[in-house]
PDB file of N, CA and C in Angstrom:
ATOM      1  N   MET A   1       0.818  -1.192   0.000  1.00  0.00           N
ATOM      2  CA  MET A   1       0.000   0.000   0.000  1.00  0.00           C
ATOM      3  C   MET A   1       0.868   1.264   0.000  1.00  0.00           C
ATOM      4  N   LYS A   2       1.958   1.232   0.797  1.00  0.00           N
ATOM      5  CA  LYS A   2       2.853   2.378   0.831  1.00  0.00           C
ATOM      6  C   LYS A   2       3.463   2.626  -0.544  1.00  0.00           C
ATOM      7  N   ARG A   3       3.806   1.527  -1.230  1.00  0.00           N
ATOM      8  CA  ARG A   3       4.415   1.678  -2.554  1.00  0.00           C
ATOM      9  C   ARG A   3       3.426   2.327  -3.524  1.00  0.00           C
ATOM     10  N   LEU A   4       2.181   1.910  -3.510  1.00  0.00           N
ATOM     11  CA  LEU A   4       1.162   2.480  -4.378  1.00  0.00           C
ATOM     12  C   LEU A   4       0.987   3.972  -4.076  1.00  0.00           C
ATOM     13  N   PHE A   5       0.922   4.319  -2.798  1.00  0.00           N
ATOM     14  CA  PHE A   5       0.792   5.722  -2.404  1.00  0.00           C
ATOM     15  C   PHE A   5       1.991   6.532  -2.881  1.00  0.00           C
ATOM     16  N   SER A   6       3.193   5.960  -2.739  1.00  0.00           N
ATOM     17  CA  SER A   6       4.408   6.655  -3.177  1.00  0.00           C
ATOM     18  C   SER A   6       4.386   6.891  -4.680  1.00  0.00           C
ATOM     19  N   LEU A   7       3.959   5.909  -5.458  1.00  0.00           N
ATOM     20  CA  LEU A   7       3.884   6.044  -6.910  1.00  0.00           C
ATOM     21  C   LEU A   7       2.868   7.123  -7.309  1.00  0.00           C
ATOM     22  N   ILE A   8       1.737   7.133  -6.632  1.00  0.00           N
ATOM     23  CA  ILE A   8       0.719   8.143  -6.917  1.00  0.00           C
ATOM     24  C   ILE A   8       1.251   9.537  -6.581  1.00  0.00           C
ATOM     25  N   LEU A   9       1.933   9.665  -5.441  1.00  0.00           N
ATOM     26  CA  LEU A   9       2.486  10.954  -5.025  1.00  0.00           C
ATOM     27  C   LEU A   9       3.542  11.438  -6.022  1.00  0.00           C
ATOM     28  N   VAL A  10       4.431  10.546  -6.432  1.00  0.00           N
ATOM     29  CA  VAL A  10       5.467  10.915  -7.402  1.00  0.00           C
ATOM     30  C   VAL A  10       4.820  11.342  -8.719  1.00  0.00           C
ATOM     31  N   GLY A  11       3.805  10.627  -9.158  1.00  0.00           N
ATOM     32  CA  GLY A  11       3.101  10.973 -10.390  1.00  0.00           C
ATOM     33  C   GLY A  11       2.435  12.328 -10.297  1.00  0.00           C
ATOM     34  N   MET A  12       1.823  12.619  -9.157  1.00  0.00           N
ATOM     35  CA  MET A  12       1.161  13.911  -8.970  1.00  0.00           C
ATOM     36  C   MET A  12       2.180  15.052  -8.961  1.00  0.00           C
ATOM     37  N   LEU A  13       3.320  14.830  -8.337  1.00  0.00           N
ATOM     38  CA  LEU A  13       4.356  15.865  -8.312  1.00  0.00           C
ATOM     39  C   LEU A  13       4.920  16.108  -9.701  1.00  0.00           C
ATOM     40  N   ALA A  14       5.099  15.042 -10.452  1.00  0.00           N
ATOM     41  CA  ALA A  14       5.629  15.178 -11.818  1.00  0.00           C
ATOM     42  C   ALA A  14       4.667  15.975 -12.682  1.00  0.00           C
ATOM     43  N   VAL A  15       3.379  15.668 -12.590  1.00  0.00           N
ATOM     44  CA  VAL A  15       2.374  16.367 -13.380  1.00  0.00           C
ATOM     45  C   VAL A  15       2.275  17.827 -12.950  1.00  0.00           C
ATOM     46  N   SER A  16       2.299  18.091 -11.647  1.00  0.00           N
ATOM     47  CA  SER A  16       2.204  19.477 -11.179  1.00  0.00           C
ATOM     48  C   SER A  16       3.432  20.277 -11.590  1.00  0.00           C
ATOM     49  N   GLY A  17       4.583  19.644 -11.651  1.00  0.00           N
ATOM     50  CA  GLY A  17       5.797  20.323 -12.090  1.00  0.00           C
ATOM     51  C   GLY A  17       5.744  20.692 -13.555  1.00  0.00           C
ATOM     52  N   LEU A  18       5.053  19.894 -14.352  1.00  0.00           N
ATOM     53  CA  LEU A  18       4.949  20.172 -15.775  1.00  0.00           C
ATOM     54  C   LEU A  18       4.060  21.376 -16.056  1.00  0.00           C
ATOM     55  N   SER A  19       3.149  21.667 -15.171  1.00  0.00           N
ATOM     56  CA  SER A  19       2.202  22.738 -15.432  1.00  0.00           C
ATOM     57  C   SER A  19       2.637  24.086 -14.847  1.00  0.00           C
ATOM     58  N   ALA A  20       3.769  24.123 -14.167  1.00  0.00           N
ATOM     59  CA  ALA A  20       4.225  25.371 -13.569  1.00  0.00           C
ATOM     60  C   ALA A  20       4.713  26.331 -14.650  1.00  0.00           C
ATOM     61  N   LYS A  21       4.388  27.595 -14.476  1.00  0.00           N
ATOM     62  CA  LYS A  21       4.835  28.616 -15.424  1.00  0.00           C
ATOM     63  C   LYS A  21       6.279  29.002 -15.126  1.00  0.00           C
ATOM     64  N   VAL A  22       7.017  29.297 -16.174  1.00  0.00           N
ATOM     65  CA  VAL A  22       8.381  29.777 -16.044  1.00  0.00           C
ATOM     66  C   VAL A  22       8.319  31.262 -15.709  1.00  0.00           C
ATOM     67  N   LYS A  23       9.110  31.688 -14.736  1.00  0.00           N
ATOM     68  CA  LYS A  23       9.087  33.085 -14.285  1.00  0.00           C
ATOM     69  C   LYS A  23       9.943  33.945 -15.212  1.00  0.00           C
ATOM     70  N   LEU A  24       9.399  34.249 -16.365  1.00  0.00           N
ATOM     71  CA  LEU A  24      10.030  35.118 -17.347  1.00  0.00           C
ATOM     72  C   LEU A  24       8.987  36.058 -17.915  1.00  0.00           C
ATOM     73  N   SER A  25       9.414  37.260 -18.233  1.00  0.00           N
ATOM     74  CA  SER A  25       8.512  38.173 -18.930  1.00  0.00           C
ATOM     75  C   SER A  25       8.881  38.120 -20.417  1.00  0.00           C
ATOM     76  N   VAL A  26       7.862  37.947 -21.249  1.00  0.00           N
ATOM     77  CA  VAL A  26       8.059  37.723 -22.680  1.00  0.00           C
ATOM     78  C   VAL A  26       7.298  38.773 -23.487  1.00  0.00           C
ATOM     79  N   LEU A  27       7.998  39.385 -24.422  1.00  0.00           N
ATOM     80  CA  LEU A  27       7.366  40.276 -25.386  1.00  0.00           C
ATOM     81  C   LEU A  27       7.288  39.514 -26.700  1.00  0.00           C
ATOM     82  N   TYR A  28       6.074  39.282 -27.187  1.00  0.00           N
ATOM     83  CA  TYR A  28       5.864  38.570 -28.448  1.00  0.00           C
ATOM     84  C   TYR A  28       5.547  39.596 -29.532  1.00  0.00           C
ATOM     85  N   VAL A  29       6.386  39.631 -30.562  1.00  0.00           N
ATOM     86  CA  VAL A  29       6.217  40.557 -31.679  1.00  0.00           C
ATOM     87  C   VAL A  29       5.726  39.743 -32.872  1.00  0.00           C
ATOM     88  N   GLY A  30       4.437  39.838 -33.152  1.00  0.00           N
ATOM     89  CA  GLY A  30       3.831  39.036 -34.206  1.00  0.00           C
ATOM     90  C   GLY A  30       3.698  39.789 -35.508  1.00  0.00           C
ATOM     91  N   GLY A  31       3.206  39.070 -36.504  1.00  0.00           N
ATOM     92  CA  GLY A  31       2.979  39.692 -37.797  1.00  0.00           C
ATOM     93  C   GLY A  31       3.137  38.737 -38.963  1.00  0.00           C
ATOM     94  N   THR A  32       3.490  37.488 -38.688  1.00  0.00           N
ATOM     95  CA  THR A  32       3.642  36.495 -39.743  1.00  0.00           C
ATOM     96  C   THR A  32       2.342  35.722 -39.897  1.00  0.00           C
ATOM     97  N   ALA A  33       1.955  35.482 -41.139  1.00  0.00           N
ATOM     98  CA  ALA A  33       0.737  34.711 -41.417  1.00  0.00           C
ATOM     99  C   ALA A  33       1.057  33.221 -41.428  1.00  0.00           C
ATOM    100  N   ASN A  34       0.031  32.402 -41.291  1.00  0.00           N
ATOM    101  CA  ASN A  34       0.191  30.956 -41.398  1.00  0.00           C
ATOM    102  C   ASN A  34       0.289  30.504 -42.846  1.00  0.00           C
ATOM    103  N   MET A  35       0.116  31.431 -43.771  1.00  0.00           N
ATOM    104  CA  MET A  35       0.246  31.118 -45.195  1.00  0.00           C
ATOM    105  C   MET A  35       1.410  31.923 -45.754  1.00  0.00           C
ATOM    106  N   ASP A  36       2.062  31.400 -46.779  1.00  0.00           N
ATOM    107  CA  ASP A  36       3.203  32.089 -47.377  1.00  0.00           C
ATOM    108  C   ASP A  36       2.801  32.669 -48.724  1.00  0.00           C
ATOM    109  N   PRO A  37       2.616  33.988 -48.799  1.00  0.00           N
ATOM    110  CA  PRO A  37       2.190  34.603 -50.056  1.00  0.00           C
ATOM    111  C   PRO A  37       3.198  34.415 -51.188  1.00  0.00           C
ATOM    112  N   MET A  38       4.465  34.171 -50.853  1.00  0.00           N
ATOM    113  CA  MET A  38       5.492  33.967 -51.879  1.00  0.00           C
ATOM    114  C   MET A  38       5.282  32.652 -52.630  1.00  0.00           C
ATOM    115  N   LEU A  39       4.605  31.705 -51.976  1.00  0.00           N
ATOM    116  CA  LEU A  39       4.370  30.405 -52.598  1.00  0.00           C
ATOM    117  C   LEU A  39       3.035  30.348 -53.339  1.00  0.00           C
ATOM    118  N   MET A  40       2.263  31.403 -53.252  1.00  0.00           N
ATOM    119  CA  MET A  40       0.945  31.424 -53.875  1.00  0.00           C
ATOM    120  C   MET A  40       1.038  32.033 -55.274  1.00  0.00           C
ATOM    121  N   ALA A  41       0.092  31.707 -56.104  1.00  0.00           N
ATOM    122  CA  ALA A  41       0.062  32.238 -57.467  1.00  0.00           C
ATOM    123  C   ALA A  41      -0.102  33.755 -57.426  1.00  0.00           C
ATOM    124  N   PRO A  42       0.581  34.469 -58.333  1.00  0.00           N
ATOM    125  CA  PRO A  42       0.444  35.929 -58.367  1.00  0.00           C
ATOM    126  C   PRO A  42      -1.023  36.350 -58.503  1.00  0.00           C
ATOM    127  N   GLY A  43      -1.413  37.322 -57.703  1.00  0.00           N
ATOM    128  CA  GLY A  43      -2.776  37.827 -57.742  1.00  0.00           C
ATOM    129  C   GLY A  43      -3.769  37.018 -56.929  1.00  0.00           C
ATOM    130  N   SER A  44      -3.314  35.895 -56.355  1.00  0.00           N
ATOM    131  CA  SER A  44      -4.250  35.052 -55.602  1.00  0.00           C
ATOM    132  C   SER A  44      -4.219  35.327 -54.103  1.00  0.00           C
ATOM    133  N   VAL A  45      -3.358  36.225 -53.668  1.00  0.00           N
ATOM    134  CA  VAL A  45      -3.256  36.529 -52.246  1.00  0.00           C
ATOM    135  C   VAL A  45      -4.414  37.446 -51.851  1.00  0.00           C
ATOM    136  N   ASP A  46      -5.237  36.980 -50.951  1.00  0.00           N
ATOM    137  CA  ASP A  46      -6.362  37.751 -50.437  1.00  0.00           C
ATOM    138  C   ASP A  46      -5.892  38.484 -49.195  1.00  0.00           C
ATOM    139  N   SER A  47      -5.819  39.815 -49.248  1.00  0.00           N
ATOM    140  CA  SER A  47      -5.281  40.594 -48.135  1.00  0.00           C
ATOM    141  C   SER A  47      -6.115  40.428 -46.861  1.00  0.00           C
ATOM    142  N   VAL A  48      -7.416  40.228 -47.017  1.00  0.00           N
ATOM    143  CA  VAL A  48      -8.280  40.034 -45.840  1.00  0.00           C
ATOM    144  C   VAL A  48      -7.958  38.687 -45.185  1.00  0.00           C
ATOM    145  N   ALA A  49      -7.794  37.645 -46.004  1.00  0.00           N
ATOM    146  CA  ALA A  49      -7.450  36.323 -45.475  1.00  0.00           C
ATOM    147  C   ALA A  49      -6.055  36.331 -44.856  1.00  0.00           C
ATOM    148  N   LEU A  50      -5.145  37.068 -45.467  1.00  0.00           N
ATOM    149  CA  LEU A  50      -3.784  37.173 -44.944  1.00  0.00           C
ATOM    150  C   LEU A  50      -3.794  37.856 -43.576  1.00  0.00           C
ATOM    151  N   ALA A  51      -4.536  38.949 -43.439  1.00  0.00           N
ATOM    152  CA  ALA A  51      -4.638  39.658 -42.162  1.00  0.00           C
ATOM    153  C   ALA A  51      -5.298  38.783 -41.095  1.00  0.00           C
ATOM    154  N   ALA A  52      -6.312  38.026 -41.492  1.00  0.00           N
ATOM    155  CA  ALA A  52      -6.977  37.117 -40.548  1.00  0.00           C
ATOM    156  C   ALA A  52      -6.020  36.018 -40.090  1.00  0.00           C
ATOM    157  N   SER A  53      -5.176  35.549 -41.001  1.00  0.00           N
ATOM    158  CA  SER A  53      -4.195  34.521 -40.666  1.00  0.00           C
ATOM    159  C   SER A  53      -3.172  35.043 -39.667  1.00  0.00           C
ATOM    160  N   VAL A  54      -2.751  36.293 -39.834  1.00  0.00           N
ATOM    161  CA  VAL A  54      -1.816  36.915 -38.893  1.00  0.00           C
ATOM    162  C   VAL A  54      -2.449  36.987 -37.509  1.00  0.00           C
ATOM    163  N   LYS A  55      -3.681  37.451 -37.430  1.00  0.00           N
ATOM    164  CA  LYS A  55      -4.378  37.570 -36.140  1.00  0.00           C
ATOM    165  C   LYS A  55      -4.532  36.201 -35.470  1.00  0.00           C
ATOM    166  N   GLU A  56      -4.878  35.197 -36.274  1.00  0.00           N
ATOM    167  CA  GLU A  56      -5.056  33.844 -35.734  1.00  0.00           C
ATOM    168  C   GLU A  56      -3.737  33.302 -35.184  1.00  0.00           C
ATOM    169  N   ARG A  57      -2.652  33.488 -35.944  1.00  0.00           N
ATOM    170  CA  ARG A  57      -1.342  33.003 -35.501  1.00  0.00           C
ATOM    171  C   ARG A  57      -0.915  33.711 -34.210  1.00  0.00           C
ATOM    172  N   MET A  58      -1.117  35.033 -34.163  1.00  0.00           N
ATOM    173  CA  MET A  58      -0.759  35.787 -32.958  1.00  0.00           C
ATOM    174  C   MET A  58      -1.554  35.304 -31.753  1.00  0.00           C
ATOM    175  N   ALA A  59      -2.831  35.035 -31.952  1.00  0.00           N
ATOM    176  CA  ALA A  59      -3.680  34.556 -30.849  1.00  0.00           C
ATOM    177  C   ALA A  59      -3.202  33.203 -30.335  1.00  0.00           C
ATOM    178  N   HIS A  60      -2.827  32.303 -31.243  1.00  0.00           N
ATOM    179  CA  HIS A  60      -2.345  30.979 -30.827  1.00  0.00           C
ATOM    180  C   HIS A  60      -1.016  31.078 -30.083  1.00  0.00           C
ATOM    181  N   PHE A  61      -0.084  31.887 -30.607  1.00  0.00           N
ATOM    182  CA  PHE A  61       1.196  32.057 -29.924  1.00  0.00           C
ATOM    183  C   PHE A  61       1.006  32.702 -28.558  1.00  0.00           C
ATOM    184  N   THR A  62       0.156  33.717 -28.477  1.00  0.00           N
ATOM    185  CA  THR A  62      -0.094  34.400 -27.208  1.00  0.00           C
ATOM    186  C   THR A  62      -0.671  33.433 -26.185  1.00  0.00           C
ATOM    187  N   LYS A  63      -1.610  32.618 -26.594  1.00  0.00           N
ATOM    188  CA  LYS A  63      -2.207  31.627 -25.690  1.00  0.00           C
ATOM    189  C   LYS A  63      -1.144  30.661 -25.185  1.00  0.00           C
ATOM    190  N   PHE A  64      -0.291  30.173 -26.096  1.00  0.00           N
ATOM    191  CA  PHE A  64       0.783  29.250 -25.714  1.00  0.00           C
ATOM    192  C   PHE A  64       1.746  29.906 -24.728  1.00  0.00           C
ATOM    193  N   LEU A  65       2.163  31.126 -25.032  1.00  0.00           N
ATOM    194  CA  LEU A  65       3.115  31.813 -24.166  1.00  0.00           C
ATOM    195  C   LEU A  65       2.523  32.105 -22.794  1.00  0.00           C
ATOM    196  N   LYS A  66       1.259  32.541 -22.745  1.00  0.00           N
ATOM    197  CA  LYS A  66       0.614  32.827 -21.456  1.00  0.00           C
ATOM    198  C   LYS A  66       0.432  31.574 -20.616  1.00  0.00           C
ATOM    199  N   LYS A  67       0.319  30.444 -21.276  1.00  0.00           N
ATOM    200  CA  LYS A  67       0.190  29.180 -20.553  1.00  0.00           C
ATOM    201  C   LYS A  67       1.518  28.790 -19.902  1.00  0.00           C
ATOM    202  N   ASN A  68       2.628  29.218 -20.489  1.00  0.00           N
ATOM    203  CA  ASN A  68       3.935  28.753 -20.041  1.00  0.00           C
ATOM    204  C   ASN A  68       4.816  29.781 -19.345  1.00  0.00           C
ATOM    205  N   PHE A  69       4.474  31.069 -19.426  1.00  0.00           N
ATOM    206  CA  PHE A  69       5.299  32.115 -18.828  1.00  0.00           C
ATOM    207  C   PHE A  69       4.442  33.050 -17.975  1.00  0.00           C
ATOM    208  N   THR A  70       5.058  33.653 -16.967  1.00  0.00           N
ATOM    209  CA  THR A  70       4.300  34.448 -15.999  1.00  0.00           C
ATOM    210  C   THR A  70       3.842  35.802 -16.526  1.00  0.00           C
ATOM    211  N   ASN A  71       4.595  36.411 -17.432  1.00  0.00           N
ATOM    212  CA  ASN A  71       4.231  37.742 -17.928  1.00  0.00           C
ATOM    213  C   ASN A  71       4.418  37.762 -19.444  1.00  0.00           C
ATOM    214  N   VAL A  72       3.339  37.983 -20.174  1.00  0.00           N
ATOM    215  CA  VAL A  72       3.398  37.970 -21.641  1.00  0.00           C
ATOM    216  C   VAL A  72       2.659  39.183 -22.193  1.00  0.00           C
ATOM    217  N   LYS A  73       3.298  39.862 -23.142  1.00  0.00           N
ATOM    218  CA  LYS A  73       2.644  40.947 -23.876  1.00  0.00           C
ATOM    219  C   LYS A  73       2.829  40.660 -25.355  1.00  0.00           C
ATOM    220  N   SER A  74       1.763  40.825 -26.145  1.00  0.00           N
ATOM    221  CA  SER A  74       1.810  40.617 -27.586  1.00  0.00           C
ATOM    222  C   SER A  74       1.556  41.930 -28.306  1.00  0.00           C
ATOM    223  N   ILE A  75       2.377  42.195 -29.313  1.00  0.00           N
ATOM    224  CA  ILE A  75       2.181  43.372 -30.143  1.00  0.00           C
ATOM    225  C   ILE A  75       2.441  42.991 -31.598  1.00  0.00           C
ATOM    226  N   GLU A  76       1.947  43.805 -32.506  1.00  0.00           N
ATOM    227  CA  GLU A  76       2.223  43.596 -33.920  1.00  0.00           C
ATOM    228  C   GLU A  76       3.588  44.183 -34.248  1.00  0.00           C
ATOM    229  N   GLY A  77       4.261  43.590 -35.223  1.00  0.00           N
ATOM    230  CA  GLY A  77       5.591  44.023 -35.606  1.00  0.00           C
ATOM    231  C   GLY A  77       5.672  45.485 -35.987  1.00  0.00           C
ATOM    232  N   LYS A  78       4.626  45.998 -36.612  1.00  0.00           N
ATOM    233  CA  LYS A  78       4.631  47.402 -37.048  1.00  0.00           C
ATOM    234  C   LYS A  78       4.649  48.372 -35.867  1.00  0.00           C
ATOM    235  N   ASP A  79       4.242  47.889 -34.682  1.00  0.00           N
ATOM    236  CA  ASP A  79       4.199  48.734 -33.491  1.00  0.00           C
ATOM    237  C   ASP A  79       5.454  48.618 -32.624  1.00  0.00           C
ATOM    238  N   TYR A  80       6.366  47.728 -32.989  1.00  0.00           N
ATOM    239  CA  TYR A  80       7.541  47.448 -32.169  1.00  0.00           C
ATOM    240  C   TYR A  80       8.613  48.535 -32.304  1.00  0.00           C
ATOM    241  N   THR A  81       9.205  48.871 -31.164  1.00  0.00           N
ATOM    242  CA  THR A  81      10.417  49.687 -31.135  1.00  0.00           C
ATOM    243  C   THR A  81      11.419  48.952 -30.248  1.00  0.00           C
ATOM    244  N   PRO A  82      12.704  49.033 -30.547  1.00  0.00           N
ATOM    245  CA  PRO A  82      13.708  48.309 -29.755  1.00  0.00           C
ATOM    246  C   PRO A  82      13.661  48.626 -28.262  1.00  0.00           C
ATOM    247  N   GLU A  83      13.269  49.826 -27.913  1.00  0.00           N
ATOM    248  CA  GLU A  83      13.207  50.212 -26.493  1.00  0.00           C
ATOM    249  C   GLU A  83      12.218  49.348 -25.710  1.00  0.00           C
ATOM    250  N   MET A  84      11.216  48.816 -26.380  1.00  0.00           N
ATOM    251  CA  MET A  84      10.209  47.984 -25.705  1.00  0.00           C
ATOM    252  C   MET A  84      10.825  46.740 -25.077  1.00  0.00           C
ATOM    253  N   SER A  85      11.846  46.191 -25.699  1.00  0.00           N
ATOM    254  CA  SER A  85      12.455  44.952 -25.214  1.00  0.00           C
ATOM    255  C   SER A  85      13.132  45.108 -23.866  1.00  0.00           C
ATOM    256  N   ALA A  86      13.507  46.323 -23.497  1.00  0.00           N
ATOM    257  CA  ALA A  86      14.202  46.549 -22.228  1.00  0.00           C
ATOM    258  C   ALA A  86      13.376  46.119 -21.022  1.00  0.00           C
ATOM    259  N   ALA A  87      12.075  46.153 -21.140  1.00  0.00           N
ATOM    260  CA  ALA A  87      11.192  45.814 -20.013  1.00  0.00           C
ATOM    261  C   ALA A  87      10.911  44.310 -19.908  1.00  0.00           C
ATOM    262  N   TYR A  88      11.485  43.495 -20.793  1.00  0.00           N
ATOM    263  CA  TYR A  88      11.193  42.062 -20.831  1.00  0.00           C
ATOM    264  C   TYR A  88      12.481  41.245 -20.787  1.00  0.00           C
ATOM    265  N   ASP A  89      12.348  40.020 -20.293  1.00  0.00           N
ATOM    266  CA  ASP A  89      13.491  39.105 -20.270  1.00  0.00           C
ATOM    267  C   ASP A  89      13.783  38.566 -21.663  1.00  0.00           C
ATOM    268  N   VAL A  90      12.721  38.330 -22.437  1.00  0.00           N
ATOM    269  CA  VAL A  90      12.842  37.706 -23.754  1.00  0.00           C
ATOM    270  C   VAL A  90      11.930  38.427 -24.736  1.00  0.00           C
ATOM    271  N   THR A  91      12.424  38.635 -25.963  1.00  0.00           N
ATOM    272  CA  THR A  91      11.593  39.138 -27.044  1.00  0.00           C
ATOM    273  C   THR A  91      11.553  38.079 -28.132  1.00  0.00           C
ATOM    274  N   VAL A  92      10.354  37.652 -28.501  1.00  0.00           N
ATOM    275  CA  VAL A  92      10.163  36.653 -29.554  1.00  0.00           C
ATOM    276  C   VAL A  92       9.677  37.383 -30.798  1.00  0.00           C
ATOM    277  N   PHE A  93      10.450  37.298 -31.875  1.00  0.00           N
ATOM    278  CA  PHE A  93      10.072  37.934 -33.136  1.00  0.00           C
ATOM    279  C   PHE A  93       9.443  36.894 -34.054  1.00  0.00           C
ATOM    280  N   ASP A  94       8.212  37.135 -34.418  1.00  0.00           N
ATOM    281  CA  ASP A  94       7.497  36.267 -35.351  1.00  0.00           C
ATOM    282  C   ASP A  94       6.842  37.134 -36.420  1.00  0.00           C
ATOM    283  N   GLY A  95       7.503  38.205 -36.759  1.00  0.00           N
ATOM    284  CA  GLY A  95       6.951  39.098 -37.759  1.00  0.00           C
ATOM    285  C   GLY A  95       7.948  40.165 -38.141  1.00  0.00           C
ATOM    286  N   ARG A  96       7.637  40.866 -39.186  1.00  0.00           N
ATOM    287  CA  ARG A  96       8.495  41.959 -39.629  1.00  0.00           C
ATOM    288  C   ARG A  96       8.301  43.151 -38.716  1.00  0.00           C
ATOM    289  N   THR A  97       9.394  43.834 -38.477  1.00  0.00           N
ATOM    290  CA  THR A  97       9.338  44.998 -37.601  1.00  0.00           C
ATOM    291  C   THR A  97       9.879  46.215 -38.331  1.00  0.00           C
ATOM    292  N   THR A  98       9.556  47.342 -37.789  1.00  0.00           N
ATOM    293  CA  THR A  98      10.156  48.591 -38.269  1.00  0.00           C
ATOM    294  C   THR A  98      10.997  49.127 -37.127  1.00  0.00           C
ATOM    295  N   GLY A  99      11.982  49.907 -37.436  1.00  0.00           N
ATOM    296  CA  GLY A  99      12.765  50.531 -36.383  1.00  0.00           C
ATOM    297  C   GLY A  99      13.964  49.746 -35.911  1.00  0.00           C
ATOM    298  N   ILE A 100      14.269  48.626 -36.537  1.00  0.00           N
ATOM    299  CA  ILE A 100      15.463  47.876 -36.158  1.00  0.00           C
ATOM    300  C   ILE A 100      16.511  48.091 -37.239  1.00  0.00           C
ATOM    301  N   ALA A 101      17.606  48.740 -36.862  1.00  0.00           N
ATOM    302  CA  ALA A 101      18.670  49.004 -37.821  1.00  0.00           C
ATOM    303  C   ALA A 101      19.672  47.857 -37.856  1.00  0.00           C
ATOM    304  N   PHE A 102      19.885  47.192 -36.720  1.00  0.00           N
ATOM    305  CA  PHE A 102      20.832  46.088 -36.657  1.00  0.00           C
ATOM    306  C   PHE A 102      20.456  45.195 -35.487  1.00  0.00           C
ATOM    307  N   VAL A 103      21.030  44.000 -35.474  1.00  0.00           N
ATOM    308  CA  VAL A 103      20.796  43.068 -34.379  1.00  0.00           C
ATOM    309  C   VAL A 103      22.137  42.785 -33.728  1.00  0.00           C
ATOM    310  N   SER A 104      22.199  42.901 -32.435  1.00  0.00           N
ATOM    311  CA  SER A 104      23.413  42.633 -31.679  1.00  0.00           C
ATOM    312  C   SER A 104      23.149  41.505 -30.715  1.00  0.00           C
ATOM    313  N   ILE A 105      23.981  40.464 -30.770  1.00  0.00           N
ATOM    314  CA  ILE A 105      23.821  39.330 -29.871  1.00  0.00           C
ATOM    315  C   ILE A 105      25.040  39.283 -28.962  1.00  0.00           C
ATOM    316  N   THR A 106      24.821  39.248 -27.669  1.00  0.00           N
ATOM    317  CA  THR A 106      25.898  39.173 -26.709  1.00  0.00           C
ATOM    318  C   THR A 106      25.821  37.836 -25.997  1.00  0.00           C
ATOM    319  N   MET A 107      26.907  37.106 -26.017  1.00  0.00           N
ATOM    320  CA  MET A 107      26.969  35.820 -25.337  1.00  0.00           C
ATOM    321  C   MET A 107      27.542  36.050 -23.943  1.00  0.00           C
ATOM    322  N   LEU A 108      26.854  35.552 -22.954  1.00  0.00           N
ATOM    323  CA  LEU A 108      27.323  35.674 -21.572  1.00  0.00           C
ATOM    324  C   LEU A 108      27.951  34.366 -21.161  1.00  0.00           C
ATOM    325  N   SER A 109      29.047  34.434 -20.454  1.00  0.00           N
ATOM    326  CA  SER A 109      29.681  33.205 -19.969  1.00  0.00           C
ATOM    327  C   SER A 109      28.974  32.756 -18.697  1.00  0.00           C
ATOM    328  N   ALA A 110      28.936  31.457 -18.515  1.00  0.00           N
ATOM    329  CA  ALA A 110      28.212  30.898 -17.375  1.00  0.00           C
ATOM    330  C   ALA A 110      28.993  31.005 -16.096  1.00  0.00           C
TER     331      ALA A 110
END
């Protein structure tokens, strides 16, 4: 009986650990559609469908991020400025942005 209880307890702890949110603040910069207009026939791109696809993709990513991280903000790429990233631990780019002249990556030693 003790063994069964121990197995149940370990299983419950494992499951509860999987559902814990990571303590990070995330800025999600969206703007990419789920369809690729470059692969579509010329003139067949429906701008309304493309915009709806962008909104749908942003909503799905936002839902995923909010499920896994403690602080999430979503914005469209056209609204992004580099200064916005200073308030967040991580910035996820999933769309075209304006206002970025260059990208600088700094590697920190452990």
